[in-house]
PDB file of N, CA and C in Angstrom:
ATOM      1  N   MET A   1      -8.052  24.519 -13.540  1.00  0.00           N
ATOM      2  CA  MET A   1      -6.857  24.857 -13.744  1.00  0.00           C
ATOM      3  C   MET A   1      -6.355  25.043 -15.128  1.00  0.00           C
ATOM      4  N   TYR A   2      -5.797  26.464 -15.176  1.00  0.00           N
ATOM      5  CA  TYR A   2      -5.504  26.817 -16.076  1.00  0.00           C
ATOM      6  C   TYR A   2      -4.442  26.958 -16.699  1.00  0.00           C
ATOM      7  N   SER A   3      -3.953  27.098 -17.718  1.00  0.00           N
ATOM      8  CA  SER A   3      -2.225  26.382 -18.369  1.00  0.00           C
ATOM      9  C   SER A   3      -2.380  27.397 -19.600  1.00  0.00           C
ATOM     10  N   GLU A   4      -1.200  27.663 -20.273  1.00  0.00           N
ATOM     11  CA  GLU A   4      -0.708  27.465 -21.842  1.00  0.00           C
ATOM     12  C   GLU A   4      -0.296  26.657 -22.340  1.00  0.00           C
ATOM     13  N   ASN A   5       0.522  26.273 -21.300  1.00  0.00           N
ATOM     14  CA  ASN A   5       0.751  24.707 -21.957  1.00  0.00           C
ATOM     15  C   ASN A   5       0.453  23.965 -21.469  1.00  0.00           C
ATOM     16  N   GLY A   6       0.702  22.735 -21.549  1.00  0.00           N
ATOM     17  CA  GLY A   6       0.210  21.375 -21.133  1.00  0.00           C
ATOM     18  C   GLY A   6       1.748  21.108 -19.567  1.00  0.00           C
ATOM     19  N   ASN A   7       1.391  18.991 -20.345  1.00  0.00           N
ATOM     20  CA  ASN A   7       2.422  18.798 -19.150  1.00  0.00           C
ATOM     21  C   ASN A   7       3.120  18.545 -17.650  1.00  0.00           C
ATOM     22  N   PRO A   8       1.858  19.242 -16.797  1.00  0.00           N
ATOM     23  CA  PRO A   8       2.135  19.053 -15.772  1.00  0.00           C
ATOM     24  C   PRO A   8       1.558  17.596 -14.939  1.00  0.00           C
ATOM     25  N   GLU A   9       2.107  16.755 -14.383  1.00  0.00           N
ATOM     26  CA  GLU A   9       1.563  15.043 -14.105  1.00  0.00           C
ATOM     27  C   GLU A   9       0.421  16.209 -13.196  1.00  0.00           C
ATOM     28  N   LEU A  10      -1.194  15.165 -13.202  1.00  0.00           N
ATOM     29  CA  LEU A  10      -1.866  15.462 -12.218  1.00  0.00           C
ATOM     30  C   LEU A  10      -2.368  13.825 -11.494  1.00  0.00           C
ATOM     31  N   ASP A  11      -2.816  13.951 -10.038  1.00  0.00           N
ATOM     32  CA  ASP A  11      -3.186  13.019 -10.312  1.00  0.00           C
ATOM     33  C   ASP A  11      -4.435  12.832 -10.137  1.00  0.00           C
ATOM     34  N   ILE A  12      -5.518  12.091 -10.564  1.00  0.00           N
ATOM     35  CA  ILE A  12      -6.981  11.505 -10.552  1.00  0.00           C
ATOM     36  C   ILE A  12      -6.963  10.565  -9.437  1.00  0.00           C
ATOM     37  N   TYR A  13      -7.626  10.695  -9.516  1.00  0.00           N
ATOM     38  CA  TYR A  13      -8.423   9.776  -8.141  1.00  0.00           C
ATOM     39  C   TYR A  13     -10.621   9.586  -8.789  1.00  0.00           C
ATOM     40  N   TYR A  14     -10.752   8.231  -8.500  1.00  0.00           N
ATOM     41  CA  TYR A  14     -11.856   8.058  -8.987  1.00  0.00           C
ATOM     42  C   TYR A  14     -12.692   7.215  -8.426  1.00  0.00           C
ATOM     43  N   LEU A  15     -14.279   6.661  -8.097  1.00  0.00           N
ATOM     44  CA  LEU A  15     -14.322   6.139  -7.152  1.00  0.00           C
ATOM     45  C   LEU A  15     -16.219   5.467  -8.100  1.00  0.00           C
ATOM     46  N   GLU A  16     -15.933   4.523  -8.050  1.00  0.00           N
ATOM     47  CA  GLU A  16     -17.244   3.606  -8.135  1.00  0.00           C
ATOM     48  C   GLU A  16     -18.772   3.993  -7.978  1.00  0.00           C
ATOM     49  N   THR A  17     -19.641   4.119  -8.343  1.00  0.00           N
ATOM     50  CA  THR A  17     -20.868   4.049  -8.000  1.00  0.00           C
ATOM     51  C   THR A  17     -21.684   3.444  -7.230  1.00  0.00           C
ATOM     52  N   GLU A  18     -22.746   3.372  -6.633  1.00  0.00           N
ATOM     53  CA  GLU A  18     -23.307   2.325  -6.446  1.00  0.00           C
ATOM     54  C   GLU A  18     -24.812   2.323  -7.878  1.00  0.00           C
ATOM     55  N   PHE A  19     -24.891   3.162  -8.884  1.00  0.00           N
ATOM     56  CA  PHE A  19     -25.449   2.843 -10.054  1.00  0.00           C
ATOM     57  C   PHE A  19     -24.599   2.080 -10.900  1.00  0.00           C
ATOM     58  N   GLY A  20     -22.793   2.010 -10.654  1.00  0.00           N
ATOM     59  CA  GLY A  20     -22.393   0.963 -11.431  1.00  0.00           C
ATOM     60  C   GLY A  20     -21.948   1.257 -12.621  1.00  0.00           C
ATOM     61  N   ARG A  21     -21.292   0.820 -13.904  1.00  0.00           N
ATOM     62  CA  ARG A  21     -20.751   1.160 -14.933  1.00  0.00           C
ATOM     63  C   ARG A  21     -22.195   2.221 -15.939  1.00  0.00           C
ATOM     64  N   PRO A  22     -21.443   2.998 -16.135  1.00  0.00           N
ATOM     65  CA  PRO A  22     -20.575   3.372 -16.559  1.00  0.00           C
ATOM     66  C   PRO A  22     -19.919   4.603 -15.539  1.00  0.00           C
ATOM     67  N   TRP A  23     -20.323   4.521 -14.772  1.00  0.00           N
ATOM     68  CA  TRP A  23     -21.230   6.072 -13.732  1.00  0.00           C
ATOM     69  C   TRP A  23     -19.864   5.781 -12.697  1.00  0.00           C
ATOM     70  N   ILE A  24     -19.263   7.309 -12.484  1.00  0.00           N
ATOM     71  CA  ILE A  24     -18.088   6.908 -10.931  1.00  0.00           C
ATOM     72  C   ILE A  24     -17.593   8.420 -10.932  1.00  0.00           C
ATOM     73  N   ILE A  25     -17.410   8.747 -10.114  1.00  0.00           N
ATOM     74  CA  ILE A  25     -16.736   9.669  -9.269  1.00  0.00           C
ATOM     75  C   ILE A  25     -15.648  10.810  -8.950  1.00  0.00           C
ATOM     76  N   MET A  26     -14.876  10.810 -10.058  1.00  0.00           N
ATOM     77  CA  MET A  26     -13.139  11.361 -10.862  1.00  0.00           C
ATOM     78  C   MET A  26     -13.218  13.224 -10.708  1.00  0.00           C
ATOM     79  N   GLY A  27     -12.079  13.116 -10.071  1.00  0.00           N
ATOM     80  CA  GLY A  27     -11.385  14.692  -9.837  1.00  0.00           C
ATOM     81  C   GLY A  27      -9.733  14.019  -9.194  1.00  0.00           C
ATOM     82  N   ASN A  28      -9.182  15.638  -9.875  1.00  0.00           N
ATOM     83  CA  ASN A  28      -7.848  15.737  -9.196  1.00  0.00           C
ATOM     84  C   ASN A  28      -8.052  16.221  -7.896  1.00  0.00           C
ATOM     85  N   ALA A  29      -7.280  15.774  -7.118  1.00  0.00           N
ATOM     86  CA  ALA A  29      -6.570  16.622  -6.386  1.00  0.00           C
ATOM     87  C   ALA A  29      -5.675  16.381  -5.762  1.00  0.00           C
ATOM     88  N   ASN A  30      -4.943  16.595  -4.556  1.00  0.00           N
ATOM     89  CA  ASN A  30      -2.948  16.055  -4.048  1.00  0.00           C
ATOM     90  C   ASN A  30      -3.044  14.613  -3.703  1.00  0.00           C
ATOM     91  N   SER A  31      -3.977  14.693  -2.624  1.00  0.00           N
ATOM     92  CA  SER A  31      -3.731  13.572  -2.352  1.00  0.00           C
ATOM     93  C   SER A  31      -6.013  12.581  -1.769  1.00  0.00           C
ATOM     94  N   GLU A  32      -5.089  11.489  -1.769  1.00  0.00           N
ATOM     95  CA  GLU A  32      -6.639  10.241  -1.575  1.00  0.00           C
ATOM     96  C   GLU A  32      -7.182  11.256  -0.406  1.00  0.00           C
ATOM     97  N   ARG A  33      -6.957  11.450   1.100  1.00  0.00           N
ATOM     98  CA  ARG A  33      -7.229  12.046   1.441  1.00  0.00           C
ATOM     99  C   ARG A  33      -8.909  13.768   1.657  1.00  0.00           C
ATOM    100  N   ASP A  34      -7.030  14.187   0.471  1.00  0.00           N
ATOM    101  CA  ASP A  34      -7.738  15.805   0.017  1.00  0.00           C
ATOM    102  C   ASP A  34      -9.596  15.303  -0.921  1.00  0.00           C
ATOM    103  N   PHE A  35      -9.235  14.613  -1.679  1.00  0.00           N
ATOM    104  CA  PHE A  35     -10.131  14.618  -3.113  1.00  0.00           C
ATOM    105  C   PHE A  35     -11.042  13.744  -1.995  1.00  0.00           C
ATOM    106  N   LEU A  36     -11.688  12.664  -0.852  1.00  0.00           N
ATOM    107  CA  LEU A  36     -12.592  12.735   0.143  1.00  0.00           C
ATOM    108  C   LEU A  36     -13.195  13.423   0.630  1.00  0.00           C
ATOM    109  N   THR A  37     -12.135  14.475   1.416  1.00  0.00           N
ATOM    110  CA  THR A  37     -13.641  15.497   1.543  1.00  0.00           C
ATOM    111  C   THR A  37     -13.737  16.041   0.670  1.00  0.00           C
ATOM    112  N   GLU A  38     -14.007  16.924  -0.359  1.00  0.00           N
ATOM    113  CA  GLU A  38     -13.762  17.643  -1.337  1.00  0.00           C
ATOM    114  C   GLU A  38     -16.254  16.692  -1.410  1.00  0.00           C
ATOM    115  N   LEU A  39     -15.468  15.367  -1.537  1.00  0.00           N
ATOM    116  CA  LEU A  39     -16.639  14.641  -1.624  1.00  0.00           C
ATOM    117  C   LEU A  39     -17.393  15.061  -0.807  1.00  0.00           C
ATOM    118  N   ASP A  40     -17.025  14.203   0.561  1.00  0.00           N
ATOM    119  CA  ASP A  40     -17.644  14.378   2.079  1.00  0.00           C
ATOM    120  C   ASP A  40     -18.492  15.909   1.818  1.00  0.00           C
ATOM    121  N   ASP A  41     -17.822  17.324   1.560  1.00  0.00           N
ATOM    122  CA  ASP A  41     -18.126  18.140   1.675  1.00  0.00           C
ATOM    123  C   ASP A  41     -18.949  18.821   0.159  1.00  0.00           C
ATOM    124  N   ASP A  42     -19.162  18.064  -0.723  1.00  0.00           N
ATOM    125  CA  ASP A  42     -20.304  17.854  -1.673  1.00  0.00           C
ATOM    126  C   ASP A  42     -21.391  16.993  -2.355  1.00  0.00           C
ATOM    127  N   GLU A  43     -22.247  18.017  -1.217  1.00  0.00           N
ATOM    128  CA  GLU A  43     -23.877  16.372  -2.215  1.00  0.00           C
ATOM    129  C   GLU A  43     -24.188  16.110  -3.095  1.00  0.00           C
ATOM    130  N   ASP A  44     -24.524  16.384  -3.780  1.00  0.00           N
ATOM    131  CA  ASP A  44     -24.722  15.766  -5.256  1.00  0.00           C
ATOM    132  C   ASP A  44     -23.669  14.081  -5.137  1.00  0.00           C
ATOM    133  N   LEU A  45     -22.685  15.207  -5.167  1.00  0.00           N
ATOM    134  CA  LEU A  45     -21.484  13.757  -5.231  1.00  0.00           C
ATOM    135  C   LEU A  45     -21.427  12.554  -4.114  1.00  0.00           C
ATOM    136  N   SER A  46     -21.775  12.871  -3.173  1.00  0.00           N
ATOM    137  CA  SER A  46     -22.563  11.974  -1.946  1.00  0.00           C
ATOM    138  C   SER A  46     -23.695  11.287  -2.421  1.00  0.00           C
ATOM    139  N   LYS A  47     -24.618  11.476  -3.450  1.00  0.00           N
ATOM    140  CA  LYS A  47     -25.684  11.944  -3.887  1.00  0.00           C
ATOM    141  C   LYS A  47     -25.739  10.371  -4.536  1.00  0.00           C
ATOM    142  N   LEU A  48     -24.599   9.579  -5.574  1.00  0.00           N
ATOM    143  CA  LEU A  48     -24.631   9.258  -6.327  1.00  0.00           C
ATOM    144  C   LEU A  48     -24.484   8.376  -5.006  1.00  0.00           C
ATOM    145  N   LYS A  49     -23.264   8.092  -4.148  1.00  0.00           N
ATOM    146  CA  LYS A  49     -23.787   6.670  -3.551  1.00  0.00           C
ATOM    147  C   LYS A  49     -22.428   5.579  -3.542  1.00  0.00           C
ATOM    148  N   PRO A  50     -20.985   6.660  -3.609  1.00  0.00           N
ATOM    149  CA  PRO A  50     -19.548   6.216  -3.646  1.00  0.00           C
ATOM    150  C   PRO A  50     -19.640   4.274  -3.294  1.00  0.00           C
ATOM    151  N   LEU A  51     -18.700   3.657  -3.895  1.00  0.00           N
ATOM    152  CA  LEU A  51     -18.294   2.639  -3.492  1.00  0.00           C
ATOM    153  C   LEU A  51     -16.744   2.039  -3.686  1.00  0.00           C
ATOM    154  N   GLY A  52     -16.492   0.732  -2.897  1.00  0.00           N
ATOM    155  CA  GLY A  52     -15.347   0.701  -3.419  1.00  0.00           C
ATOM    156  C   GLY A  52     -13.747   1.382  -2.732  1.00  0.00           C
ATOM    157  N   GLN A  53     -13.115   0.984  -3.192  1.00  0.00           N
ATOM    158  CA  GLN A  53     -11.740   1.628  -3.033  1.00  0.00           C
ATOM    159  C   GLN A  53     -11.640   3.293  -4.036  1.00  0.00           C
ATOM    160  N   VAL A  54     -10.909   4.174  -3.930  1.00  0.00           N
ATOM    161  CA  VAL A  54     -10.523   4.413  -4.431  1.00  0.00           C
ATOM    162  C   VAL A  54      -8.896   4.160  -5.462  1.00  0.00           C
ATOM    163  N   LYS A  55      -9.698   4.562  -7.204  1.00  0.00           N
ATOM    164  CA  LYS A  55      -8.518   4.234  -7.800  1.00  0.00           C
ATOM    165  C   LYS A  55      -7.684   5.685  -7.621  1.00  0.00           C
ATOM    166  N   ARG A  56      -6.491   5.820  -8.089  1.00  0.00           N
ATOM    167  CA  ARG A  56      -5.500   7.070  -8.803  1.00  0.00           C
ATOM    168  C   ARG A  56      -4.798   6.331 -10.066  1.00  0.00           C
ATOM    169  N   ILE A  57      -4.483   7.171 -11.082  1.00  0.00           N
ATOM    170  CA  ILE A  57      -4.368   7.197 -12.346  1.00  0.00           C
ATOM    171  C   ILE A  57      -3.321   8.481 -11.729  1.00  0.00           C
ATOM    172  N   LYS A  58      -1.855   8.287 -12.724  1.00  0.00           N
ATOM    173  CA  LYS A  58      -0.674   9.754 -13.435  1.00  0.00           C
ATOM    174  C   LYS A  58      -1.865  10.085 -14.278  1.00  0.00           C
ATOM    175  N   ALA A  59      -2.128  11.479 -14.724  1.00  0.00           N
ATOM    176  CA  ALA A  59      -2.646  11.714 -16.202  1.00  0.00           C
ATOM    177  C   ALA A  59      -1.913  13.433 -16.907  1.00  0.00           C
ATOM    178  N   THR A  60      -1.207  12.682 -18.356  1.00  0.00           N
ATOM    179  CA  THR A  60      -1.089  14.486 -18.500  1.00  0.00           C
ATOM    180  C   THR A  60      -1.262  14.856 -19.512  1.00  0.00           C
ATOM    181  N   PHE A  61      -1.867  15.870 -18.478  1.00  0.00           N
ATOM    182  CA  PHE A  61      -2.432  17.964 -19.243  1.00  0.00           C
ATOM    183  C   PHE A  61      -1.607  17.963 -20.760  1.00  0.00           C
ATOM    184  N   VAL A  62      -2.255  18.344 -21.051  1.00  0.00           N
ATOM    185  CA  VAL A  62      -1.657  19.033 -22.810  1.00  0.00           C
ATOM    186  C   VAL A  62      -2.528  19.413 -23.413  1.00  0.00           C
ATOM    187  N   THR A  63      -2.676  20.878 -23.934  1.00  0.00           N
ATOM    188  CA  THR A  63      -2.929  22.216 -24.675  1.00  0.00           C
ATOM    189  C   THR A  63      -2.849  21.594 -25.445  1.00  0.00           C
ATOM    190  N   GLU A  64      -3.574  22.252 -26.540  1.00  0.00           N
ATOM    191  CA  GLU A  64      -3.308  22.580 -27.727  1.00  0.00           C
ATOM    192  C   GLU A  64      -1.861  23.288 -28.679  1.00  0.00           C
ATOM    193  N   ASN A  65      -1.880  23.886 -27.277  1.00  0.00           N
ATOM    194  CA  ASN A  65      -0.093  24.545 -27.918  1.00  0.00           C
ATOM    195  C   ASN A  65       1.075  24.076 -26.929  1.00  0.00           C
ATOM    196  N   ASP A  66       0.872  22.791 -27.381  1.00  0.00           N
ATOM    197  CA  ASP A  66       1.713  21.485 -26.839  1.00  0.00           C
ATOM    198  C   ASP A  66       2.119  21.129 -28.542  1.00  0.00           C
ATOM    199  N   PHE A  67       1.205  21.149 -29.285  1.00  0.00           N
ATOM    200  CA  PHE A  67       1.905  20.515 -30.051  1.00  0.00           C
ATOM    201  C   PHE A  67       2.268  20.768 -31.333  1.00  0.00           C
TER     202      PHE A  67
END
């Protein structure tokens, strides 16, 4: 994502991995389904052996132009 100015809200999804803390798989997506589809399509991320429930947080994207 590129933006001159920030402040859009993003849905960030993440999953823990078999390797335990602090290792997680994280990304932004329009939905949990989209996040899981991208994860399934990426051979390298799948090798991290994700487990547990997908967690979602809302984040505000901020750039240096916002200050």
